[in-house]
N, C-alpha and C. Protein backbone atom coordinates (compact mmCIF):
# COMPACT_ATOMS: atom_id res chain seq x y z
N GLY A 1 0.74 -1.13 -0.03
CA GLY A 1 -0.06 -0.08 0.09
C GLY A 1 0.82 1.48 0.12
N ALA A 2 2.13 1.11 0.03
CA ALA A 2 2.98 2.43 0.01
C ALA A 2 2.92 2.99 -1.32
N ARG A 3 2.70 4.19 -1.43
CA ARG A 3 2.57 5.15 -2.50
C ARG A 3 3.71 6.29 -2.82
N PRO A 4 3.98 6.61 -4.01
CA PRO A 4 4.94 7.71 -4.24
C PRO A 4 4.48 8.80 -3.43
N GLY A 5 5.19 9.58 -2.79
CA GLY A 5 4.83 10.66 -1.95
C GLY A 5 4.58 10.56 -0.59
N ASP A 6 4.43 9.33 -0.13
CA ASP A 6 4.22 8.88 1.29
C ASP A 6 5.51 9.08 1.97
N VAL A 7 5.46 9.30 3.28
CA VAL A 7 6.58 9.43 4.09
C VAL A 7 6.74 8.20 4.94
N VAL A 8 8.05 7.66 4.99
CA VAL A 8 8.29 6.56 5.63
C VAL A 8 8.80 6.82 6.94
N ALA A 9 8.19 6.19 7.98
CA ALA A 9 8.39 6.65 9.53
C ALA A 9 8.71 5.16 10.26
N LEU A 10 9.32 5.50 11.47
CA LEU A 10 9.73 4.59 12.40
C LEU A 10 9.19 4.70 13.66
N ALA A 11 8.82 3.67 14.40
CA ALA A 11 8.53 3.60 15.81
C ALA A 11 9.32 2.48 16.41
N GLY A 12 9.93 2.94 17.62
CA GLY A 12 10.69 2.04 18.32
C GLY A 12 12.10 2.22 18.10
N ARG A 13 12.94 1.38 18.54
CA ARG A 13 14.33 1.50 18.44
C ARG A 13 15.14 0.39 17.64
N LEU A 14 16.13 0.72 16.94
CA LEU A 14 16.75 -0.17 15.96
C LEU A 14 18.24 -0.23 16.54
N GLY A 15 18.91 -1.61 16.23
CA GLY A 15 20.27 -1.70 16.48
C GLY A 15 20.58 -2.06 17.96
N TRP A 16 19.64 -1.99 18.96
CA TRP A 16 20.02 -2.39 20.30
C TRP A 16 20.32 -3.89 20.25
N SER A 17 19.52 -4.58 19.71
CA SER A 17 19.48 -6.13 19.96
C SER A 17 20.84 -6.50 19.21
N ALA A 18 21.08 -6.21 18.06
CA ALA A 18 22.34 -6.56 17.39
C ALA A 18 23.51 -6.02 18.33
N CYS A 19 23.51 -5.02 18.87
CA CYS A 19 24.55 -4.49 19.67
C CYS A 19 24.64 -5.55 20.94
N GLY A 20 23.38 -5.86 21.57
CA GLY A 20 23.54 -6.75 22.65
C GLY A 20 24.19 -8.03 22.24
N LEU A 21 23.69 -8.63 20.92
CA LEU A 21 24.34 -9.71 20.46
C LEU A 21 25.81 -9.83 20.42
N ALA A 22 26.30 -8.68 19.84
CA ALA A 22 27.73 -8.29 19.51
C ALA A 22 28.44 -8.56 20.97
N VAL A 23 27.82 -7.82 22.03
CA VAL A 23 28.40 -7.88 23.41
C VAL A 23 28.39 -9.37 23.81
N LEU A 24 27.34 -10.05 23.80
CA LEU A 24 27.25 -11.40 24.32
C LEU A 24 28.33 -12.33 23.63
N ARG A 25 28.43 -12.15 22.26
CA ARG A 25 29.41 -13.00 21.66
C ARG A 25 30.80 -12.74 21.87
N ARG A 26 31.09 -11.55 22.58
CA ARG A 26 32.42 -11.47 23.14
C ARG A 26 32.69 -11.85 24.32
N GLY A 27 31.58 -12.45 24.95
CA GLY A 27 31.69 -13.03 26.53
C GLY A 27 31.34 -11.94 27.57
N PHE A 28 30.87 -10.87 27.16
CA PHE A 28 30.64 -9.85 28.16
C PHE A 28 29.05 -9.70 28.46
N THR A 29 28.86 -9.10 29.44
CA THR A 29 27.34 -8.95 29.75
C THR A 29 26.80 -7.52 30.06
N SER A 30 27.67 -6.46 29.62
CA SER A 30 27.19 -5.10 29.81
C SER A 30 27.88 -4.50 28.50
N PRO A 31 27.19 -3.33 28.14
CA PRO A 31 26.14 -2.60 29.04
C PRO A 31 24.77 -3.44 28.94
N LEU A 32 24.28 -3.32 30.14
CA LEU A 32 23.19 -4.16 30.63
C LEU A 32 21.85 -3.77 29.72
N ALA A 33 21.74 -2.46 29.15
CA ALA A 33 20.78 -1.97 28.51
C ALA A 33 20.70 -2.66 27.00
N ALA A 34 21.90 -2.81 26.35
CA ALA A 34 21.90 -3.40 25.20
C ALA A 34 21.71 -4.93 25.30
N VAL A 35 22.49 -5.56 26.30
CA VAL A 35 22.11 -6.95 26.25
C VAL A 35 20.63 -7.44 26.67
N ALA A 36 20.05 -6.54 27.59
CA ALA A 36 18.74 -6.80 27.77
C ALA A 36 17.71 -6.58 26.37
N ALA A 37 18.08 -5.60 25.77
CA ALA A 37 17.33 -5.44 24.49
C ALA A 37 17.52 -6.69 23.56
N HIS A 38 18.52 -7.24 23.60
CA HIS A 38 18.80 -8.51 22.85
C HIS A 38 17.83 -9.72 23.52
N ARG A 39 17.99 -9.82 24.82
CA ARG A 39 17.24 -10.83 25.38
C ARG A 39 15.77 -10.80 25.61
N ARG A 40 15.45 -9.52 25.58
CA ARG A 40 13.93 -9.21 25.90
C ARG A 40 13.53 -8.01 25.01
N PRO A 41 13.37 -8.14 23.78
CA PRO A 41 12.91 -6.88 23.11
C PRO A 41 11.61 -6.20 23.61
N GLU A 42 11.57 -4.89 23.28
CA GLU A 42 10.37 -4.03 23.83
C GLU A 42 9.67 -3.53 22.49
N PRO A 43 8.91 -4.14 21.84
CA PRO A 43 8.12 -3.85 20.69
C PRO A 43 7.23 -2.60 21.08
N PRO A 44 7.13 -1.73 20.13
CA PRO A 44 6.18 -0.47 20.51
C PRO A 44 4.84 -0.88 20.15
N TYR A 45 4.26 -1.74 20.87
CA TYR A 45 2.83 -2.43 20.62
C TYR A 45 1.84 -1.31 20.27
N ALA A 46 1.62 -0.18 20.96
CA ALA A 46 0.64 0.82 20.86
C ALA A 46 0.83 1.51 19.47
N ALA A 47 1.96 1.59 18.91
CA ALA A 47 2.20 2.41 17.76
C ALA A 47 1.69 1.79 16.45
N GLY A 48 1.35 0.48 16.41
CA GLY A 48 0.64 -0.02 15.36
C GLY A 48 -0.79 0.46 15.25
N PRO A 49 -1.64 0.18 16.24
CA PRO A 49 -2.93 0.79 16.04
C PRO A 49 -3.14 2.21 15.84
N ALA A 50 -2.12 3.07 16.50
CA ALA A 50 -1.90 4.49 16.24
C ALA A 50 -1.66 4.74 14.90
N ALA A 51 -0.75 4.07 14.21
CA ALA A 51 -0.41 4.27 12.79
C ALA A 51 -1.66 4.03 11.86
N ALA A 52 -2.37 3.01 12.35
CA ALA A 52 -3.50 2.41 11.32
C ALA A 52 -4.55 3.48 11.45
N ALA A 53 -4.79 4.01 12.57
CA ALA A 53 -5.73 5.09 12.75
C ALA A 53 -5.43 6.33 12.19
N ALA A 54 -4.05 6.57 12.16
CA ALA A 54 -3.54 8.03 11.42
C ALA A 54 -3.50 7.71 9.83
N GLY A 55 -3.90 6.49 9.32
CA GLY A 55 -4.02 6.51 8.02
C GLY A 55 -2.70 5.83 7.31
N ALA A 56 -1.85 5.07 7.99
CA ALA A 56 -0.70 4.38 7.57
C ALA A 56 -1.20 3.66 6.33
N THR A 57 -0.37 3.66 4.95
CA THR A 57 -0.79 2.96 3.83
C THR A 57 0.09 1.52 3.91
N ALA A 58 0.91 1.46 4.65
CA ALA A 58 1.74 0.08 4.80
C ALA A 58 2.30 0.11 6.07
N MET A 59 2.68 -1.18 6.57
CA MET A 59 3.31 -1.14 7.84
C MET A 59 3.76 -2.63 8.02
N CYS A 60 5.03 -2.70 8.68
CA CYS A 60 5.48 -4.01 9.06
C CYS A 60 6.42 -3.95 10.25
N ASP A 61 6.67 -5.02 10.91
CA ASP A 61 7.56 -4.84 12.04
C ASP A 61 9.04 -5.18 11.37
N VAL A 62 9.84 -4.60 12.27
CA VAL A 62 11.31 -4.61 11.74
C VAL A 62 12.00 -5.75 12.74
N SER A 63 11.88 -6.93 12.25
CA SER A 63 12.42 -8.10 13.04
C SER A 63 13.62 -8.60 12.26
N ASP A 64 13.65 -8.52 10.78
CA ASP A 64 14.70 -8.97 10.14
C ASP A 64 15.85 -8.13 9.82
N GLY A 65 15.73 -6.75 10.37
CA GLY A 65 16.63 -5.70 9.91
C GLY A 65 15.87 -4.68 9.30
N LEU A 66 16.14 -3.34 9.34
CA LEU A 66 15.60 -2.31 8.78
C LEU A 66 15.58 -2.38 7.23
N LEU A 67 16.70 -2.84 6.57
CA LEU A 67 16.93 -2.83 5.07
C LEU A 67 16.16 -4.02 4.60
N ALA A 68 16.11 -5.05 5.15
CA ALA A 68 15.37 -6.43 4.70
C ALA A 68 13.99 -5.97 4.83
N ASP A 69 13.41 -5.56 5.98
CA ASP A 69 12.04 -5.41 6.11
C ASP A 69 11.55 -4.27 5.17
N ALA A 70 12.37 -3.21 5.04
CA ALA A 70 11.82 -1.97 4.22
C ALA A 70 11.68 -2.68 2.65
N ALA A 71 12.67 -3.59 2.37
CA ALA A 71 12.72 -4.19 1.08
C ALA A 71 11.32 -4.88 0.77
N HIS A 72 10.72 -5.66 1.92
CA HIS A 72 9.61 -6.34 1.78
C HIS A 72 8.60 -5.39 1.48
N VAL A 73 8.46 -4.24 2.08
CA VAL A 73 7.50 -3.10 1.84
C VAL A 73 7.64 -2.64 0.39
N ALA A 74 9.04 -2.27 -0.09
CA ALA A 74 9.10 -1.86 -1.35
C ALA A 74 8.53 -2.86 -2.37
N ARG A 75 8.84 -4.01 -2.17
CA ARG A 75 8.63 -5.01 -3.24
C ARG A 75 7.04 -5.23 -3.30
N ALA A 76 6.34 -5.32 -2.09
CA ALA A 76 5.11 -5.62 -2.17
C ALA A 76 4.29 -4.57 -2.61
N SER A 77 4.94 -3.21 -2.56
CA SER A 77 4.08 -2.00 -3.05
C SER A 77 4.50 -1.56 -4.36
N GLY A 78 5.78 -2.21 -4.88
CA GLY A 78 6.10 -1.81 -6.25
C GLY A 78 6.88 -0.30 -6.21
N VAL A 79 7.34 0.02 -5.28
CA VAL A 79 7.85 1.34 -5.08
C VAL A 79 9.45 1.36 -4.59
N VAL A 80 9.86 2.45 -4.38
CA VAL A 80 11.19 2.75 -3.97
C VAL A 80 11.16 3.41 -2.50
N LEU A 81 11.66 2.92 -1.59
CA LEU A 81 11.81 3.47 -0.21
C LEU A 81 13.20 4.27 -0.06
N ASP A 82 13.24 5.38 0.05
CA ASP A 82 14.36 5.99 0.10
C ASP A 82 14.44 6.54 1.60
N LEU A 83 15.55 5.90 2.47
CA LEU A 83 15.61 6.17 3.57
C LEU A 83 16.64 7.21 3.98
N ASP A 84 16.34 8.22 4.79
CA ASP A 84 17.33 9.38 4.91
C ASP A 84 18.37 8.93 6.11
N ARG A 85 19.55 8.86 5.73
CA ARG A 85 20.63 8.39 6.60
C ARG A 85 20.61 9.47 7.90
N ALA A 86 20.68 10.79 7.61
CA ALA A 86 20.73 11.65 8.63
C ALA A 86 19.54 11.59 9.69
N ALA A 87 18.47 11.43 8.91
CA ALA A 87 17.13 10.94 9.88
C ALA A 87 17.34 9.86 10.72
N LEU A 88 17.79 8.71 10.08
CA LEU A 88 18.05 7.39 10.91
C LEU A 88 19.02 7.81 12.08
N VAL A 89 20.03 8.54 11.70
CA VAL A 89 21.14 8.78 12.85
C VAL A 89 20.38 9.41 13.83
N ARG A 90 19.65 10.54 13.71
CA ARG A 90 19.05 11.35 14.67
C ARG A 90 17.87 10.54 15.44
N ALA A 91 17.28 9.53 14.72
CA ALA A 91 16.19 8.83 15.45
C ALA A 91 16.78 7.70 16.20
N CYS A 92 17.92 7.03 15.74
CA CYS A 92 18.29 5.86 16.34
C CYS A 92 19.74 6.00 17.11
N LEU A 93 20.36 6.97 16.92
CA LEU A 93 21.84 7.02 17.27
C LEU A 93 22.11 8.35 18.27
N GLU A 94 21.00 9.18 18.40
CA GLU A 94 21.16 10.31 19.26
C GLU A 94 20.13 10.31 20.40
N PRO A 95 20.55 10.84 21.55
CA PRO A 95 21.92 10.92 22.09
C PRO A 95 22.72 9.83 22.02
N ALA A 96 24.06 9.99 22.16
CA ALA A 96 24.91 8.80 22.19
C ALA A 96 24.60 8.19 23.34
N GLY A 97 24.96 6.80 23.37
CA GLY A 97 24.72 5.88 24.28
C GLY A 97 25.38 4.56 24.19
N PRO A 98 24.77 3.39 24.62
CA PRO A 98 25.48 2.08 24.53
C PRO A 98 25.80 1.75 23.09
N LEU A 99 24.99 2.10 22.13
CA LEU A 99 25.56 1.57 20.73
C LEU A 99 26.78 2.18 20.20
N GLN A 100 26.94 3.43 20.46
CA GLN A 100 28.23 4.15 20.12
C GLN A 100 29.43 3.69 21.12
N GLN A 101 29.12 3.40 22.35
CA GLN A 101 30.26 2.89 23.29
C GLN A 101 30.69 1.60 22.84
N VAL A 102 29.82 0.65 22.69
CA VAL A 102 30.07 -0.78 22.16
C VAL A 102 30.71 -0.78 20.81
N ALA A 103 30.21 -0.07 19.82
CA ALA A 103 30.86 0.02 18.45
C ALA A 103 32.18 0.71 18.51
N ALA A 104 32.51 1.59 19.34
CA ALA A 104 33.88 1.99 19.50
C ALA A 104 34.88 0.93 20.17
N ALA A 105 34.29 0.43 21.09
CA ALA A 105 35.23 -0.78 21.69
C ALA A 105 35.44 -1.89 20.75
N LEU A 106 34.59 -2.13 19.81
CA LEU A 106 34.62 -3.23 18.80
C LEU A 106 35.15 -2.82 17.54
N GLY A 107 35.30 -1.57 17.30
CA GLY A 107 35.81 -0.90 15.96
C GLY A 107 34.76 -1.11 14.83
N ALA A 108 33.52 -0.98 15.30
CA ALA A 108 32.34 -1.11 14.43
C ALA A 108 31.60 0.21 14.20
N ASP A 109 30.79 0.20 13.08
CA ASP A 109 29.82 1.40 13.07
C ASP A 109 28.54 1.14 13.62
N PRO A 110 28.12 1.83 14.51
CA PRO A 110 26.67 1.44 14.95
C PRO A 110 25.57 1.58 13.88
N LEU A 111 25.86 2.35 12.97
CA LEU A 111 24.70 2.43 11.93
C LEU A 111 24.64 0.97 11.24
N ALA A 112 25.63 0.36 11.22
CA ALA A 112 25.34 -1.13 10.76
C ALA A 112 24.47 -2.03 11.50
N TRP A 113 24.49 -1.68 12.81
CA TRP A 113 23.25 -2.49 13.43
C TRP A 113 22.09 -1.73 13.33
N VAL A 114 21.90 -0.54 13.09
CA VAL A 114 20.64 0.05 12.92
C VAL A 114 20.03 -0.43 11.48
N LEU A 115 20.98 -0.43 10.63
CA LEU A 115 20.22 -0.79 9.02
C LEU A 115 20.07 -2.31 8.92
N THR A 116 21.05 -3.16 9.74
CA THR A 116 20.77 -4.54 9.44
C THR A 116 20.54 -5.49 10.62
N GLY A 117 20.40 -4.82 11.76
CA GLY A 117 20.39 -5.66 12.87
C GLY A 117 18.78 -6.03 13.04
N GLY A 118 18.57 -7.16 13.48
CA GLY A 118 17.12 -7.74 13.56
C GLY A 118 16.53 -7.78 15.26
N GLU A 119 15.55 -8.30 15.28
CA GLU A 119 15.00 -8.55 16.74
C GLU A 119 14.68 -7.52 17.65
N ASP A 120 14.81 -6.14 17.00
CA ASP A 120 14.42 -5.07 17.92
C ASP A 120 12.87 -4.88 17.88
N HIS A 121 12.16 -5.55 16.85
CA HIS A 121 10.80 -5.54 16.71
C HIS A 121 10.16 -4.09 16.86
N ALA A 122 10.89 -3.19 16.12
CA ALA A 122 10.26 -1.73 15.79
C ALA A 122 9.28 -1.95 14.74
N LEU A 123 8.74 -0.70 14.34
CA LEU A 123 7.75 -0.78 13.45
C LEU A 123 8.19 0.19 12.30
N LEU A 124 7.86 -0.04 11.08
CA LEU A 124 8.19 0.81 9.83
C LEU A 124 6.82 0.76 9.15
N ALA A 125 6.47 2.13 8.69
CA ALA A 125 5.38 2.30 8.19
C ALA A 125 5.39 3.57 7.21
N THR A 126 4.42 3.47 6.32
CA THR A 126 4.29 4.67 5.34
C THR A 126 2.98 5.39 5.61
N PHE A 127 3.02 6.73 5.41
CA PHE A 127 1.96 7.56 5.71
C PHE A 127 1.70 8.48 4.50
N PRO A 128 0.48 9.10 4.29
CA PRO A 128 0.30 9.93 3.31
C PRO A 128 1.19 11.31 3.62
N GLY A 129 1.79 11.90 2.47
CA GLY A 129 2.56 12.87 2.88
C GLY A 129 2.11 14.03 3.52
N ASP A 130 0.89 14.08 3.70
CA ASP A 130 0.12 15.41 4.38
C ASP A 130 -0.22 14.94 5.76
N ALA A 131 -0.05 13.73 5.93
CA ALA A 131 -0.67 13.09 7.36
C ALA A 131 0.21 13.58 8.50
N ALA A 132 -0.41 13.92 9.60
CA ALA A 132 0.44 14.12 10.79
C ALA A 132 0.81 12.67 11.50
N LEU A 133 2.04 12.55 11.69
CA LEU A 133 2.42 11.26 12.28
C LEU A 133 2.08 11.16 13.73
N PRO A 134 1.57 10.11 14.09
CA PRO A 134 1.20 9.88 15.48
C PRO A 134 2.48 9.98 16.45
N ASP A 135 1.98 10.12 17.87
CA ASP A 135 3.13 10.30 18.76
C ASP A 135 3.83 8.95 18.70
N GLY A 136 5.29 9.17 18.94
CA GLY A 136 6.04 8.01 18.92
C GLY A 136 6.72 7.58 17.46
N TRP A 137 6.05 8.17 16.40
CA TRP A 137 6.62 7.94 15.08
C TRP A 137 7.54 8.97 14.66
N THR A 138 8.54 8.53 13.97
CA THR A 138 9.62 9.53 13.39
C THR A 138 9.83 9.44 11.83
N ALA A 139 9.72 10.41 11.12
CA ALA A 139 10.00 10.35 9.68
C ALA A 139 11.40 9.93 9.44
N VAL A 140 11.64 9.08 8.71
CA VAL A 140 13.04 8.57 8.21
C VAL A 140 13.19 8.43 6.78
N GLY A 141 12.16 8.93 5.99
CA GLY A 141 12.42 8.69 4.40
C GLY A 141 11.23 9.03 3.59
N ALA A 142 11.31 8.85 2.49
CA ALA A 142 10.16 8.98 1.57
C ALA A 142 10.05 7.91 0.50
N VAL A 143 8.81 7.83 0.00
CA VAL A 143 8.47 6.82 -1.05
C VAL A 143 8.61 7.32 -2.34
N ARG A 144 9.11 6.67 -3.37
CA ARG A 144 9.27 7.31 -4.53
C ARG A 144 8.89 6.15 -5.64
N ALA A 145 8.47 6.68 -6.78
CA ALA A 145 7.97 5.80 -7.79
C ALA A 145 9.21 4.94 -8.21
N ALA A 146 9.05 3.57 -8.62
CA ALA A 146 9.99 2.71 -8.96
C ALA A 146 10.14 2.82 -10.49
N ARG A 147 11.32 3.22 -11.10
CA ARG A 147 11.51 3.25 -12.49
C ARG A 147 11.63 1.90 -12.93
N HIS A 148 12.37 1.26 -12.18
CA HIS A 148 12.68 -0.37 -12.62
C HIS A 148 12.06 -1.25 -11.81
N ASP A 149 12.98 -1.97 -10.83
CA ASP A 149 12.65 -2.73 -9.71
C ASP A 149 12.45 -1.86 -8.43
N PRO A 150 11.42 -2.40 -7.62
CA PRO A 150 11.42 -1.80 -6.28
C PRO A 150 12.55 -1.93 -5.54
N VAL A 151 13.15 -0.93 -4.80
CA VAL A 151 14.37 -1.25 -4.13
C VAL A 151 14.33 -0.28 -2.88
N VAL A 152 15.27 -0.46 -2.02
CA VAL A 152 15.34 0.49 -0.91
C VAL A 152 16.90 1.25 -1.08
N LEU A 153 16.80 2.44 -0.90
CA LEU A 153 17.91 3.37 -1.05
C LEU A 153 17.98 4.09 0.49
N VAL A 154 19.33 4.39 0.56
CA VAL A 154 19.63 5.11 1.78
C VAL A 154 20.23 6.50 1.16
N SER A 155 19.70 7.56 1.44
CA SER A 155 20.01 8.80 0.89
C SER A 155 20.44 8.78 -0.50
N GLY A 156 19.43 8.15 -1.26
CA GLY A 156 19.85 7.98 -2.65
C GLY A 156 20.74 6.97 -3.17
N GLU A 157 21.40 6.32 -2.34
CA GLU A 157 22.41 5.20 -2.75
C GLU A 157 21.85 3.84 -2.35
N PRO A 158 22.20 3.04 -3.34
CA PRO A 158 21.69 1.71 -3.27
C PRO A 158 22.02 0.98 -1.82
N ALA A 159 21.03 0.30 -1.19
CA ALA A 159 21.20 -0.18 0.25
C ALA A 159 22.61 -1.03 0.25
N ALA A 160 22.76 -1.86 -0.87
CA ALA A 160 23.99 -2.77 -0.82
C ALA A 160 25.22 -1.81 -0.66
N ALA A 161 25.28 -0.71 -1.37
CA ALA A 161 26.65 0.01 -1.05
C ALA A 161 26.82 0.65 0.31
N VAL A 162 25.74 1.02 0.71
CA VAL A 162 25.69 1.51 2.06
C VAL A 162 26.05 0.52 3.24
N VAL A 163 25.34 -0.61 3.03
CA VAL A 163 26.01 -1.87 3.96
C VAL A 163 27.27 -2.09 3.73
N ARG A 164 27.92 -2.13 2.65
CA ARG A 164 29.42 -2.32 2.51
C ARG A 164 30.19 -1.28 3.32
N ALA A 165 29.70 0.03 2.98
CA ALA A 165 30.44 1.16 3.59
C ALA A 165 30.38 1.23 5.08
N VAL A 166 29.39 0.66 5.87
CA VAL A 166 29.42 0.75 7.12
C VAL A 166 29.84 -0.56 7.76
N GLY A 167 30.18 -1.66 6.87
CA GLY A 167 30.75 -2.78 7.39
C GLY A 167 29.88 -3.81 7.95
N ALA A 168 28.63 -3.67 7.48
CA ALA A 168 27.62 -4.66 7.87
C ALA A 168 27.72 -6.03 7.13
N GLU A 169 27.21 -7.05 7.81
CA GLU A 169 27.41 -8.57 7.23
C GLU A 169 26.00 -8.79 6.55
N GLY A 170 25.81 -8.31 5.46
CA GLY A 170 24.48 -8.70 4.81
C GLY A 170 23.37 -7.64 4.95
N ALA A 171 22.28 -7.67 4.70
CA ALA A 171 21.26 -6.61 4.68
C ALA A 171 20.09 -7.09 5.64
N GLY A 172 20.30 -8.12 6.49
CA GLY A 172 19.38 -8.49 7.44
C GLY A 172 19.33 -9.93 7.53
N HIS A 173 18.47 -10.58 8.27
CA HIS A 173 18.12 -11.88 8.56
C HIS A 173 17.60 -12.57 7.24
N VAL A 174 18.15 -13.69 7.02
CA VAL A 174 17.44 -14.52 5.72
C VAL A 174 16.94 -15.76 6.46
N HIS A 175 15.72 -16.07 6.27
CA HIS A 175 15.06 -17.17 6.77
C HIS A 175 15.16 -18.41 5.95
N PHE A 176 15.89 -19.37 6.60
CA PHE A 176 16.00 -20.86 5.95
C PHE A 176 16.82 -20.46 4.75
N GLY A 177 17.87 -19.65 4.87
CA GLY A 177 18.70 -19.23 3.79
C GLY A 177 19.34 -20.25 2.99
């Protein structure tokens, strides 16, 4: 149901579970907030009905990673989802906290966890361009017409190029790969 001219918005947090998993894989148990996010995600349950009531045109949970799940919406809707890198950083990485601390300690880019980490169970939705976003939703991109294949872009760049640039391992979880 996503349509050109729609706004792409996010509710919930991204990257926390992947950060917690990275910590656990190193044999550590802190920062506790990141580890807890991996062990017990906190989906923004109320945001789903609020989005529907506000006229969301498409919506899905982000359990396989933002880029992977955004691609599901793009393909199902036959459109391009162009995610704004700066908006994602503001929404998911500011103010600085555990993601940046762990990333610095591991020599990683926390944006990789935001783009490809799964299991946070945030929500991604599209809304008509003139709709007011409900509380808890943040605009992170725009829907554009697909000239060829439906794809996901990050600030106009193909998602695969951005994934390589931030050092992520793939674009998200692949079921029964």
